[in-house]
Amino acid sequence: MAAPTTLFRPFTRLVKITILGKEFEVPENNPLLRCFQYLAPEAISYGRFCWNGECQSCRISFDLGDESASRAAISCKLMVQDGMRINGLTSEIRYGLRTLDLPKADE
């Protein structure tokens, strides 16, 4: 019988990220989609995500600070970084994070 596992890769601290202008703390050393799951465990767990990059339902746009350009990525493959700013989310991710009181899509 195998020992129970955790969803998250080992981490020793939480890092700060900003999602649509709102700051959160998430576990370091984890893919961004897992960090979204840390913030909204039920909704992201039951979302329509393949977790391997094929569905593209977890696509986001982000930057790493004032001097960095905005880039697109899939959050299941992108490792979280301290100070990361997520500026755009797919409707699937936005719906999964609906309990976080993020700004509306048209704001």
PDB file of N, CA and C in Angstrom:
ATOM      1  N   MET A   1       0.844  -1.181   0.000  1.00  0.00           N
ATOM      2  CA  MET A   1       0.000   0.000   0.000  1.00  0.00           C
ATOM      3  C   MET A   1       0.887   1.241   0.000  1.00  0.00           C
ATOM      4  N   ALA A   2       0.605   2.172  -0.883  1.00  0.00           N
ATOM      5  CA  ALA A   2       1.412   3.384  -1.009  1.00  0.00           C
ATOM      6  C   ALA A   2       1.011   4.410   0.049  1.00  0.00           C
ATOM      7  N   ALA A   3       1.973   5.206   0.432  1.00  0.00           N
ATOM      8  CA  ALA A   3       1.708   6.285   1.388  1.00  0.00           C
ATOM      9  C   ALA A   3       0.878   7.369   0.706  1.00  0.00           C
ATOM     10  N   PRO A   4       0.030   8.054   1.462  1.00  0.00           N
ATOM     11  CA  PRO A   4      -0.748   9.143   0.858  1.00  0.00           C
ATOM     12  C   PRO A   4       0.187  10.229   0.322  1.00  0.00           C
ATOM     13  N   THR A   5      -0.221  10.852  -0.743  1.00  0.00           N
ATOM     14  CA  THR A   5       0.597  11.895  -1.352  1.00  0.00           C
ATOM     15  C   THR A   5      -0.086  13.249  -1.191  1.00  0.00           C
ATOM     16  N   THR A   6       0.661  14.276  -1.439  1.00  0.00           N
ATOM     17  CA  THR A   6       0.114  15.627  -1.431  1.00  0.00           C
ATOM     18  C   THR A   6       0.046  16.128  -2.866  1.00  0.00           C
ATOM     19  N   LEU A   7      -0.820  17.075  -3.096  1.00  0.00           N
ATOM     20  CA  LEU A   7      -0.944  17.652  -4.436  1.00  0.00           C
ATOM     21  C   LEU A   7       0.226  18.554  -4.789  1.00  0.00           C
ATOM     22  N   PHE A   8       0.869  19.088  -3.765  1.00  0.00           N
ATOM     23  CA  PHE A   8       1.874  20.113  -3.977  1.00  0.00           C
ATOM     24  C   PHE A   8       3.288  19.556  -3.877  1.00  0.00           C
ATOM     25  N   ARG A   9       4.172  20.112  -4.684  1.00  0.00           N
ATOM     26  CA  ARG A   9       5.590  19.788  -4.554  1.00  0.00           C
ATOM     27  C   ARG A   9       6.079  20.324  -3.222  1.00  0.00           C
ATOM     28  N   PRO A  10       7.153  19.762  -2.681  1.00  0.00           N
ATOM     29  CA  PRO A  10       7.650  20.251  -1.381  1.00  0.00           C
ATOM     30  C   PRO A  10       7.959  21.753  -1.423  1.00  0.00           C
ATOM     31  N   PHE A  11       7.560  22.449  -0.368  1.00  0.00           N
ATOM     32  CA  PHE A  11       7.855  23.875  -0.263  1.00  0.00           C
ATOM     33  C   PHE A  11       8.110  24.227   1.194  1.00  0.00           C
ATOM     34  N   THR A  12       8.901  25.262   1.394  1.00  0.00           N
ATOM     35  CA  THR A  12       9.209  25.700   2.752  1.00  0.00           C
ATOM     36  C   THR A  12       8.640  27.079   3.055  1.00  0.00           C
ATOM     37  N   ARG A  13       8.213  27.782   2.013  1.00  0.00           N
ATOM     38  CA  ARG A  13       7.655  29.112   2.246  1.00  0.00           C
ATOM     39  C   ARG A  13       6.606  29.441   1.197  1.00  0.00           C
ATOM     40  N   LEU A  14       5.864  30.475   1.481  1.00  0.00           N
ATOM     41  CA  LEU A  14       4.894  31.003   0.530  1.00  0.00           C
ATOM     42  C   LEU A  14       5.503  32.209  -0.164  1.00  0.00           C
ATOM     43  N   VAL A  15       5.196  32.367  -1.444  1.00  0.00           N
ATOM     44  CA  VAL A  15       5.668  33.521  -2.211  1.00  0.00           C
ATOM     45  C   VAL A  15       4.460  34.369  -2.592  1.00  0.00           C
ATOM     46  N   LYS A  16       4.722  35.648  -2.838  1.00  0.00           N
ATOM     47  CA  LYS A  16       3.644  36.571  -3.186  1.00  0.00           C
ATOM     48  C   LYS A  16       3.496  36.663  -4.696  1.00  0.00           C
ATOM     49  N   ILE A  17       2.245  36.544  -5.130  1.00  0.00           N
ATOM     50  CA  ILE A  17       1.907  36.769  -6.530  1.00  0.00           C
ATOM     51  C   ILE A  17       0.715  37.725  -6.559  1.00  0.00           C
ATOM     52  N   THR A  18       0.505  38.345  -7.694  1.00  0.00           N
ATOM     53  CA  THR A  18      -0.634  39.238  -7.868  1.00  0.00           C
ATOM     54  C   THR A  18      -1.481  38.705  -9.008  1.00  0.00           C
ATOM     55  N   ILE A  19      -2.763  38.543  -8.745  1.00  0.00           N
ATOM     56  CA  ILE A  19      -3.703  38.078  -9.755  1.00  0.00           C
ATOM     57  C   ILE A  19      -4.694  39.198 -10.016  1.00  0.00           C
ATOM     58  N   LEU A  20      -4.639  39.756 -11.209  1.00  0.00           N
ATOM     59  CA  LEU A  20      -5.519  40.852 -11.614  1.00  0.00           C
ATOM     60  C   LEU A  20      -5.542  41.975 -10.576  1.00  0.00           C
ATOM     61  N   GLY A  21      -4.359  42.307 -10.061  1.00  0.00           N
ATOM     62  CA  GLY A  21      -4.228  43.414  -9.131  1.00  0.00           C
ATOM     63  C   GLY A  21      -4.421  43.073  -7.660  1.00  0.00           C
ATOM     64  N   LYS A  22      -4.752  41.841  -7.351  1.00  0.00           N
ATOM     65  CA  LYS A  22      -4.972  41.434  -5.966  1.00  0.00           C
ATOM     66  C   LYS A  22      -3.855  40.482  -5.534  1.00  0.00           C
ATOM     67  N   GLU A  23      -3.240  40.742  -4.372  1.00  0.00           N
ATOM     68  CA  GLU A  23      -2.078  39.972  -3.923  1.00  0.00           C
ATOM     69  C   GLU A  23      -2.482  38.729  -3.121  1.00  0.00           C
ATOM     70  N   PHE A  24      -1.741  37.631  -3.365  1.00  0.00           N
ATOM     71  CA  PHE A  24      -1.965  36.357  -2.672  1.00  0.00           C
ATOM     72  C   PHE A  24      -0.624  35.734  -2.334  1.00  0.00           C
ATOM     73  N   GLU A  25      -0.635  34.814  -1.389  1.00  0.00           N
ATOM     74  CA  GLU A  25       0.546  34.020  -1.063  1.00  0.00           C
ATOM     75  C   GLU A  25       0.264  32.568  -1.426  1.00  0.00           C
ATOM     76  N   VAL A  26       1.218  31.963  -2.142  1.00  0.00           N
ATOM     77  CA  VAL A  26       1.079  30.591  -2.633  1.00  0.00           C
ATOM     78  C   VAL A  26       2.380  29.828  -2.390  1.00  0.00           C
ATOM     79  N   PRO A  27       2.346  28.494  -2.424  1.00  0.00           N
ATOM     80  CA  PRO A  27       3.563  27.721  -2.168  1.00  0.00           C
ATOM     81  C   PRO A  27       4.602  27.850  -3.287  1.00  0.00           C
ATOM     82  N   GLU A  28       5.845  28.092  -2.898  1.00  0.00           N
ATOM     83  CA  GLU A  28       6.944  28.137  -3.865  1.00  0.00           C
ATOM     84  C   GLU A  28       7.138  26.752  -4.489  1.00  0.00           C
ATOM     85  N   ASN A  29       7.936  26.684  -5.544  1.00  0.00           N
ATOM     86  CA  ASN A  29       8.341  25.417  -6.148  1.00  0.00           C
ATOM     87  C   ASN A  29       7.172  24.602  -6.700  1.00  0.00           C
ATOM     88  N   ASN A  30       6.134  25.273  -7.170  1.00  0.00           N
ATOM     89  CA  ASN A  30       4.963  24.590  -7.709  1.00  0.00           C
ATOM     90  C   ASN A  30       4.517  25.248  -9.003  1.00  0.00           C
ATOM     91  N   PRO A  31       3.892  24.460  -9.895  1.00  0.00           N
ATOM     92  CA  PRO A  31       3.307  25.062 -11.101  1.00  0.00           C
ATOM     93  C   PRO A  31       2.192  26.034 -10.704  1.00  0.00           C
ATOM     94  N   LEU A  32       1.993  27.051 -11.493  1.00  0.00           N
ATOM     95  CA  LEU A  32       1.009  28.075 -11.181  1.00  0.00           C
ATOM     96  C   LEU A  32      -0.401  27.498 -11.044  1.00  0.00           C
ATOM     97  N   LEU A  33      -0.764  26.526 -11.854  1.00  0.00           N
ATOM     98  CA  LEU A  33      -2.099  25.929 -11.738  1.00  0.00           C
ATOM     99  C   LEU A  33      -2.282  25.276 -10.363  1.00  0.00           C
ATOM    100  N   ARG A  34      -1.244  24.649  -9.833  1.00  0.00           N
ATOM    101  CA  ARG A  34      -1.310  24.089  -8.471  1.00  0.00           C
ATOM    102  C   ARG A  34      -1.481  25.216  -7.455  1.00  0.00           C
ATOM    103  N   CYS A  35      -0.852  26.341  -7.699  1.00  0.00           N
ATOM    104  CA  CYS A  35      -1.002  27.492  -6.799  1.00  0.00           C
ATOM    105  C   CYS A  35      -2.432  28.022  -6.844  1.00  0.00           C
ATOM    106  N   PHE A  36      -3.032  28.029  -8.035  1.00  0.00           N
ATOM    107  CA  PHE A  36      -4.445  28.398  -8.126  1.00  0.00           C
ATOM    108  C   PHE A  36      -5.282  27.405  -7.320  1.00  0.00           C
ATOM    109  N   GLN A  37      -4.914  26.138  -7.386  1.00  0.00           N
ATOM    110  CA  GLN A  37      -5.624  25.110  -6.631  1.00  0.00           C
ATOM    111  C   GLN A  37      -5.441  25.314  -5.122  1.00  0.00           C
ATOM    112  N   TYR A  38      -4.299  25.804  -4.709  1.00  0.00           N
ATOM    113  CA  TYR A  38      -4.048  26.129  -3.301  1.00  0.00           C
ATOM    114  C   TYR A  38      -5.010  27.220  -2.832  1.00  0.00           C
ATOM    115  N   LEU A  39      -5.300  28.177  -3.709  1.00  0.00           N
ATOM    116  CA  LEU A  39      -6.186  29.287  -3.371  1.00  0.00           C
ATOM    117  C   LEU A  39      -7.666  28.919  -3.447  1.00  0.00           C
ATOM    118  N   ALA A  40      -8.022  28.027  -4.347  1.00  0.00           N
ATOM    119  CA  ALA A  40      -9.417  27.618  -4.546  1.00  0.00           C
ATOM    120  C   ALA A  40      -9.456  26.103  -4.759  1.00  0.00           C
ATOM    121  N   PRO A  41      -9.251  25.325  -3.692  1.00  0.00           N
ATOM    122  CA  PRO A  41      -9.066  23.873  -3.825  1.00  0.00           C
ATOM    123  C   PRO A  41     -10.202  23.132  -4.539  1.00  0.00           C
ATOM    124  N   GLU A  42     -11.414  23.386  -4.165  1.00  0.00           N
ATOM    125  CA  GLU A  42     -12.531  22.650  -4.764  1.00  0.00           C
ATOM    126  C   GLU A  42     -12.746  23.027  -6.228  1.00  0.00           C
ATOM    127  N   ALA A  43     -12.856  24.305  -6.491  1.00  0.00           N
ATOM    128  CA  ALA A  43     -13.202  24.753  -7.842  1.00  0.00           C
ATOM    129  C   ALA A  43     -12.150  24.384  -8.873  1.00  0.00           C
ATOM    130  N   ILE A  44     -10.888  24.561  -8.555  1.00  0.00           N
ATOM    131  CA  ILE A  44      -9.837  24.223  -9.512  1.00  0.00           C
ATOM    132  C   ILE A  44      -9.722  22.705  -9.655  1.00  0.00           C
ATOM    133  N   SER A  45      -9.870  21.971  -8.571  1.00  0.00           N
ATOM    134  CA  SER A  45      -9.780  20.507  -8.629  1.00  0.00           C
ATOM    135  C   SER A  45     -10.827  19.907  -9.563  1.00  0.00           C
ATOM    136  N   TYR A  46     -12.010  20.494  -9.572  1.00  0.00           N
ATOM    137  CA  TYR A  46     -13.086  19.965 -10.403  1.00  0.00           C
ATOM    138  C   TYR A  46     -13.227  20.693 -11.735  1.00  0.00           C
ATOM    139  N   GLY A  47     -12.289  21.588 -12.025  1.00  0.00           N
ATOM    140  CA  GLY A  47     -12.313  22.310 -13.293  1.00  0.00           C
ATOM    141  C   GLY A  47     -11.967  21.399 -14.462  1.00  0.00           C
ATOM    142  N   ARG A  48     -12.181  21.906 -15.664  1.00  0.00           N
ATOM    143  CA  ARG A  48     -11.916  21.126 -16.874  1.00  0.00           C
ATOM    144  C   ARG A  48     -10.490  21.346 -17.358  1.00  0.00           C
ATOM    145  N   PHE A  49      -9.533  20.917 -16.555  1.00  0.00           N
ATOM    146  CA  PHE A  49      -8.123  21.086 -16.894  1.00  0.00           C
ATOM    147  C   PHE A  49      -7.484  19.732 -17.099  1.00  0.00           C
ATOM    148  N   CYS A  50      -6.645  19.625 -18.126  1.00  0.00           N
ATOM    149  CA  CYS A  50      -5.973  18.357 -18.408  1.00  0.00           C
ATOM    150  C   CYS A  50      -4.714  18.187 -17.560  1.00  0.00           C
ATOM    151  N   TRP A  51      -4.170  19.273 -17.050  1.00  0.00           N
ATOM    152  CA  TRP A  51      -2.975  19.306 -16.197  1.00  0.00           C
ATOM    153  C   TRP A  51      -1.696  18.914 -16.940  1.00  0.00           C
ATOM    154  N   ASN A  52      -1.740  18.757 -18.260  1.00  0.00           N
ATOM    155  CA  ASN A  52      -0.528  18.384 -18.995  1.00  0.00           C
ATOM    156  C   ASN A  52      -0.243  19.298 -20.189  1.00  0.00           C
ATOM    157  N   GLY A  53      -0.981  20.381 -20.330  1.00  0.00           N
ATOM    158  CA  GLY A  53      -0.701  21.362 -21.362  1.00  0.00           C
ATOM    159  C   GLY A  53      -1.440  21.192 -22.665  1.00  0.00           C
ATOM    160  N   GLU A  54      -2.209  20.156 -22.826  1.00  0.00           N
ATOM    161  CA  GLU A  54      -2.868  19.921 -24.104  1.00  0.00           C
ATOM    162  C   GLU A  54      -4.154  20.717 -24.303  1.00  0.00           C
ATOM    163  N   CYS A  55      -4.912  20.932 -23.245  1.00  0.00           N
ATOM    164  CA  CYS A  55      -6.226  21.564 -23.403  1.00  0.00           C
ATOM    165  C   CYS A  55      -6.142  23.083 -23.564  1.00  0.00           C
ATOM    166  N   GLN A  56      -5.079  23.699 -23.077  1.00  0.00           N
ATOM    167  CA  GLN A  56      -4.890  25.153 -23.138  1.00  0.00           C
ATOM    168  C   GLN A  56      -5.930  25.926 -22.323  1.00  0.00           C
ATOM    169  N   SER A  57      -6.693  25.250 -21.488  1.00  0.00           N
ATOM    170  CA  SER A  57      -7.716  25.908 -20.671  1.00  0.00           C
ATOM    171  C   SER A  57      -7.133  26.701 -19.516  1.00  0.00           C
ATOM    172  N   CYS A  58      -5.859  26.501 -19.229  1.00  0.00           N
ATOM    173  CA  CYS A  58      -5.233  27.200 -18.100  1.00  0.00           C
ATOM    174  C   CYS A  58      -4.286  28.305 -18.565  1.00  0.00           C
ATOM    175  N   ARG A  59      -4.479  28.789 -19.784  1.00  0.00           N
ATOM    176  CA  ARG A  59      -3.601  29.835 -20.342  1.00  0.00           C
ATOM    177  C   ARG A  59      -3.769  31.133 -19.555  1.00  0.00           C
ATOM    178  N   ILE A  60      -2.650  31.784 -19.310  1.00  0.00           N
ATOM    179  CA  ILE A  60      -2.635  33.058 -18.594  1.00  0.00           C
ATOM    180  C   ILE A  60      -1.675  34.004 -19.296  1.00  0.00           C
ATOM    181  N   SER A  61      -1.750  35.276 -18.953  1.00  0.00           N
ATOM    182  CA  SER A  61      -0.696  36.219 -19.340  1.00  0.00           C
ATOM    183  C   SER A  61      -0.124  36.772 -18.049  1.00  0.00           C
ATOM    184  N   PHE A  62       1.187  37.004 -18.052  1.00  0.00           N
ATOM    185  CA  PHE A  62       1.865  37.407 -16.828  1.00  0.00           C
ATOM    186  C   PHE A  62       3.099  38.243 -17.144  1.00  0.00           C
ATOM    187  N   ASP A  63       3.599  38.905 -16.097  1.00  0.00           N
ATOM    188  CA  ASP A  63       4.915  39.534 -16.167  1.00  0.00           C
ATOM    189  C   ASP A  63       5.591  39.332 -14.821  1.00  0.00           C
ATOM    190  N   LEU A  64       6.857  39.666 -14.769  1.00  0.00           N
ATOM    191  CA  LEU A  64       7.646  39.447 -13.552  1.00  0.00           C
ATOM    192  C   LEU A  64       8.051  40.749 -12.879  1.00  0.00           C
ATOM    193  N   GLY A  65       7.392  41.837 -13.222  1.00  0.00           N
ATOM    194  CA  GLY A  65       7.694  43.119 -12.610  1.00  0.00           C
ATOM    195  C   GLY A  65       7.583  44.248 -13.605  1.00  0.00           C
ATOM    196  N   ASP A  66       7.834  45.463 -13.128  1.00  0.00           N
ATOM    197  CA  ASP A  66       7.656  46.656 -13.947  1.00  0.00           C
ATOM    198  C   ASP A  66       8.493  46.676 -15.219  1.00  0.00           C
ATOM    199  N   GLU A  67       9.676  46.133 -15.174  1.00  0.00           N
ATOM    200  CA  GLU A  67      10.579  46.183 -16.322  1.00  0.00           C
ATOM    201  C   GLU A  67      10.447  44.983 -17.268  1.00  0.00           C
ATOM    202  N   SER A  68       9.578  44.037 -16.945  1.00  0.00           N
ATOM    203  CA  SER A  68       9.495  42.843 -17.792  1.00  0.00           C
ATOM    204  C   SER A  68       8.286  42.914 -18.717  1.00  0.00           C
ATOM    205  N   ALA A  69       8.438  42.304 -19.872  1.00  0.00           N
ATOM    206  CA  ALA A  69       7.357  42.274 -20.854  1.00  0.00           C
ATOM    207  C   ALA A  69       6.299  41.255 -20.442  1.00  0.00           C
ATOM    208  N   SER A  70       5.071  41.495 -20.864  1.00  0.00           N
ATOM    209  CA  SER A  70       3.992  40.548 -20.614  1.00  0.00           C
ATOM    210  C   SER A  70       4.167  39.351 -21.542  1.00  0.00           C
ATOM    211  N   ARG A  71       3.949  38.168 -21.006  1.00  0.00           N
ATOM    212  CA  ARG A  71       4.085  36.934 -21.783  1.00  0.00           C
ATOM    213  C   ARG A  71       2.867  36.051 -21.559  1.00  0.00           C
ATOM    214  N   ALA A  72       2.619  35.151 -22.495  1.00  0.00           N
ATOM    215  CA  ALA A  72       1.548  34.164 -22.367  1.00  0.00           C
ATOM    216  C   ALA A  72       2.175  32.828 -21.987  1.00  0.00           C
ATOM    217  N   ALA A  73       1.438  32.041 -21.221  1.00  0.00           N
ATOM    218  CA  ALA A  73       1.920  30.719 -20.807  1.00  0.00           C
ATOM    219  C   ALA A  73       0.729  29.864 -20.402  1.00  0.00           C
ATOM    220  N   ILE A  74       0.986  28.585 -20.261  1.00  0.00           N
ATOM    221  CA  ILE A  74      -0.030  27.706 -19.688  1.00  0.00           C
ATOM    222  C   ILE A  74       0.367  27.453 -18.233  1.00  0.00           C
ATOM    223  N   SER A  75      -0.568  27.684 -17.340  1.00  0.00           N
ATOM    224  CA  SER A  75      -0.241  27.685 -15.913  1.00  0.00           C
ATOM    225  C   SER A  75       0.084  26.303 -15.356  1.00  0.00           C
ATOM    226  N   CYS A  76      -0.280  25.236 -16.053  1.00  0.00           N
ATOM    227  CA  CYS A  76       0.073  23.898 -15.565  1.00  0.00           C
ATOM    228  C   CYS A  76       1.552  23.589 -15.771  1.00  0.00           C
ATOM    229  N   LYS A  77       2.222  24.344 -16.629  1.00  0.00           N
ATOM    230  CA  LYS A  77       3.648  24.121 -16.911  1.00  0.00           C
ATOM    231  C   LYS A  77       4.551  25.236 -16.388  1.00  0.00           C
ATOM    232  N   LEU A  78       3.984  26.353 -16.003  1.00  0.00           N
ATOM    233  CA  LEU A  78       4.750  27.511 -15.558  1.00  0.00           C
ATOM    234  C   LEU A  78       4.964  27.459 -14.049  1.00  0.00           C
ATOM    235  N   MET A  79       6.221  27.462 -13.622  1.00  0.00           N
ATOM    236  CA  MET A  79       6.526  27.460 -12.191  1.00  0.00           C
ATOM    237  C   MET A  79       6.314  28.860 -11.621  1.00  0.00           C
ATOM    238  N   VAL A  80       5.706  28.915 -10.457  1.00  0.00           N
ATOM    239  CA  VAL A  80       5.439  30.186  -9.796  1.00  0.00           C
ATOM    240  C   VAL A  80       6.753  30.861  -9.406  1.00  0.00           C
ATOM    241  N   GLN A  81       6.758  32.186  -9.461  1.00  0.00           N
ATOM    242  CA  GLN A  81       7.921  32.965  -9.045  1.00  0.00           C
ATOM    243  C   GLN A  81       7.447  34.093  -8.141  1.00  0.00           C
ATOM    244  N   ASP A  82       8.245  34.383  -7.141  1.00  0.00           N
ATOM    245  CA  ASP A  82       7.929  35.471  -6.224  1.00  0.00           C
ATOM    246  C   ASP A  82       7.810  36.768  -7.012  1.00  0.00           C
ATOM    247  N   GLY A  83       6.748  37.516  -6.795  1.00  0.00           N
ATOM    248  CA  GLY A  83       6.535  38.779  -7.487  1.00  0.00           C
ATOM    249  C   GLY A  83       5.824  38.656  -8.816  1.00  0.00           C
ATOM    250  N   MET A  84       5.474  37.461  -9.232  1.00  0.00           N
ATOM    251  CA  MET A  84       4.783  37.242 -10.503  1.00  0.00           C
ATOM    252  C   MET A  84       3.444  37.981 -10.487  1.00  0.00           C
ATOM    253  N   ARG A  85       3.134  38.607 -11.629  1.00  0.00           N
ATOM    254  CA  ARG A  85       1.861  39.315 -11.755  1.00  0.00           C
ATOM    255  C   ARG A  85       1.068  38.692 -12.898  1.00  0.00           C
ATOM    256  N   ILE A  86      -0.081  38.122 -12.570  1.00  0.00           N
ATOM    257  CA  ILE A  86      -0.950  37.510 -13.569  1.00  0.00           C
ATOM    258  C   ILE A  86      -1.946  38.581 -14.006  1.00  0.00           C
ATOM    259  N   ASN A  87      -1.905  38.920 -15.298  1.00  0.00           N
ATOM    260  CA  ASN A  87      -2.714  40.015 -15.828  1.00  0.00           C
ATOM    261  C   ASN A  87      -3.893  39.549 -16.667  1.00  0.00           C
ATOM    262  N   GLY A  88      -3.887  38.300 -17.091  1.00  0.00           N
ATOM    263  CA  GLY A  88      -4.967  37.774 -17.916  1.00  0.00           C
ATOM    264  C   GLY A  88      -5.209  36.311 -17.606  1.00  0.00           C
ATOM    265  N   LEU A  89      -6.488  35.927 -17.585  1.00  0.00           N
ATOM    266  CA  LEU A  89      -6.887  34.552 -17.274  1.00  0.00           C
ATOM    267  C   LEU A  89      -7.915  34.069 -18.282  1.00  0.00           C
ATOM    268  N   THR A  90      -7.912  32.780 -18.570  1.00  0.00           N
ATOM    269  CA  THR A  90      -8.993  32.215 -19.378  1.00  0.00           C
ATOM    270  C   THR A  90     -10.270  32.229 -18.548  1.00  0.00           C
ATOM    271  N   SER A  91     -11.397  32.091 -19.194  1.00  0.00           N
ATOM    272  CA  SER A  91     -12.670  32.063 -18.461  1.00  0.00           C
ATOM    273  C   SER A  91     -12.732  30.869 -17.509  1.00  0.00           C
ATOM    274  N   GLU A  92     -12.089  29.745 -17.865  1.00  0.00           N
ATOM    275  CA  GLU A  92     -12.088  28.572 -16.992  1.00  0.00           C
ATOM    276  C   GLU A  92     -11.342  28.842 -15.688  1.00  0.00           C
ATOM    277  N   ILE A  93     -10.173  29.487 -15.788  1.00  0.00           N
ATOM    278  CA  ILE A  93      -9.410  29.831 -14.588  1.00  0.00           C
ATOM    279  C   ILE A  93     -10.172  30.879 -13.776  1.00  0.00           C
ATOM    280  N   ARG A  94     -10.680  31.881 -14.444  1.00  0.00           N
ATOM    281  CA  ARG A  94     -11.432  32.935 -13.754  1.00  0.00           C
ATOM    282  C   ARG A  94     -12.612  32.323 -12.989  1.00  0.00           C
ATOM    283  N   TYR A  95     -13.324  31.411 -13.620  1.00  0.00           N
ATOM    284  CA  TYR A  95     -14.452  30.758 -12.950  1.00  0.00           C
ATOM    285  C   TYR A  95     -13.962  29.956 -11.740  1.00  0.00           C
ATOM    286  N   GLY A  96     -12.849  29.261 -11.877  1.00  0.00           N
ATOM    287  CA  GLY A  96     -12.297  28.483 -10.771  1.00  0.00           C
ATOM    288  C   GLY A  96     -11.871  29.350  -9.599  1.00  0.00           C
ATOM    289  N   LEU A  97     -11.483  30.583  -9.880  1.00  0.00           N
ATOM    290  CA  LEU A  97     -11.027  31.494  -8.829  1.00  0.00           C
ATOM    291  C   LEU A  97     -12.116  32.481  -8.399  1.00  0.00           C
ATOM    292  N   ARG A  98     -13.350  32.194  -8.741  1.00  0.00           N
ATOM    293  CA  ARG A  98     -14.451  33.132  -8.494  1.00  0.00           C
ATOM    294  C   ARG A  98     -14.623  33.498  -7.021  1.00  0.00           C
ATOM    295  N   THR A  99     -14.231  32.638  -6.096  1.00  0.00           N
ATOM    296  CA  THR A  99     -14.387  32.928  -4.667  1.00  0.00           C
ATOM    297  C   THR A  99     -13.339  33.916  -4.148  1.00  0.00           C
ATOM    298  N   LEU A 100     -12.366  34.277  -4.965  1.00  0.00           N
ATOM    299  CA  LEU A 100     -11.288  35.169  -4.528  1.00  0.00           C
ATOM    300  C   LEU A 100     -11.642  36.642  -4.686  1.00  0.00           C
ATOM    301  N   ASP A 101     -12.828  36.935  -5.175  1.00  0.00           N
ATOM    302  CA  ASP A 101     -13.288  38.313  -5.347  1.00  0.00           C
ATOM    303  C   ASP A 101     -12.356  39.113  -6.255  1.00  0.00           C
ATOM    304  N   LEU A 102     -12.037  38.540  -7.403  1.00  0.00           N
ATOM    305  CA  LEU A 102     -11.194  39.213  -8.389  1.00  0.00           C
ATOM    306  C   LEU A 102     -12.035  40.218  -9.171  1.00  0.00           C
ATOM    307  N   PRO A 103     -11.411  41.222  -9.777  1.00  0.00           N
ATOM    308  CA  PRO A 103     -12.165  42.175 -10.607  1.00  0.00           C
ATOM    309  C   PRO A 103     -12.904  41.455 -11.735  1.00  0.00           C
ATOM    310  N   LYS A 104     -14.008  41.993 -12.139  1.00  0.00           N
ATOM    311  CA  LYS A 104     -14.787  41.424 -13.242  1.00  0.00           C
ATOM    312  C   LYS A 104     -13.973  41.498 -14.531  1.00  0.00           C
ATOM    313  N   ALA A 105     -14.324  40.669 -15.503  1.00  0.00           N
ATOM    314  CA  ALA A 105     -13.587  40.582 -16.761  1.00  0.00           C
ATOM    315  C   ALA A 105     -13.605  41.911 -17.527  1.00  0.00           C
ATOM    316  N   ASP A 106     -14.653  42.685 -17.415  1.00  0.00           N
ATOM    317  CA  ASP A 106     -14.747  43.920 -18.186  1.00  0.00           C
ATOM    318  C   ASP A 106     -14.258  45.142 -17.423  1.00  0.00           C
ATOM    319  N   GLU A 107     -13.692  44.956 -16.233  1.00  0.00           N
ATOM    320  CA  GLU A 107     -13.198  46.106 -15.455  1.00  0.00           C
ATOM    321  C   GLU A 107     -11.797  46.479 -15.858  1.00  0.00           C
TER     322      GLU A 107
END
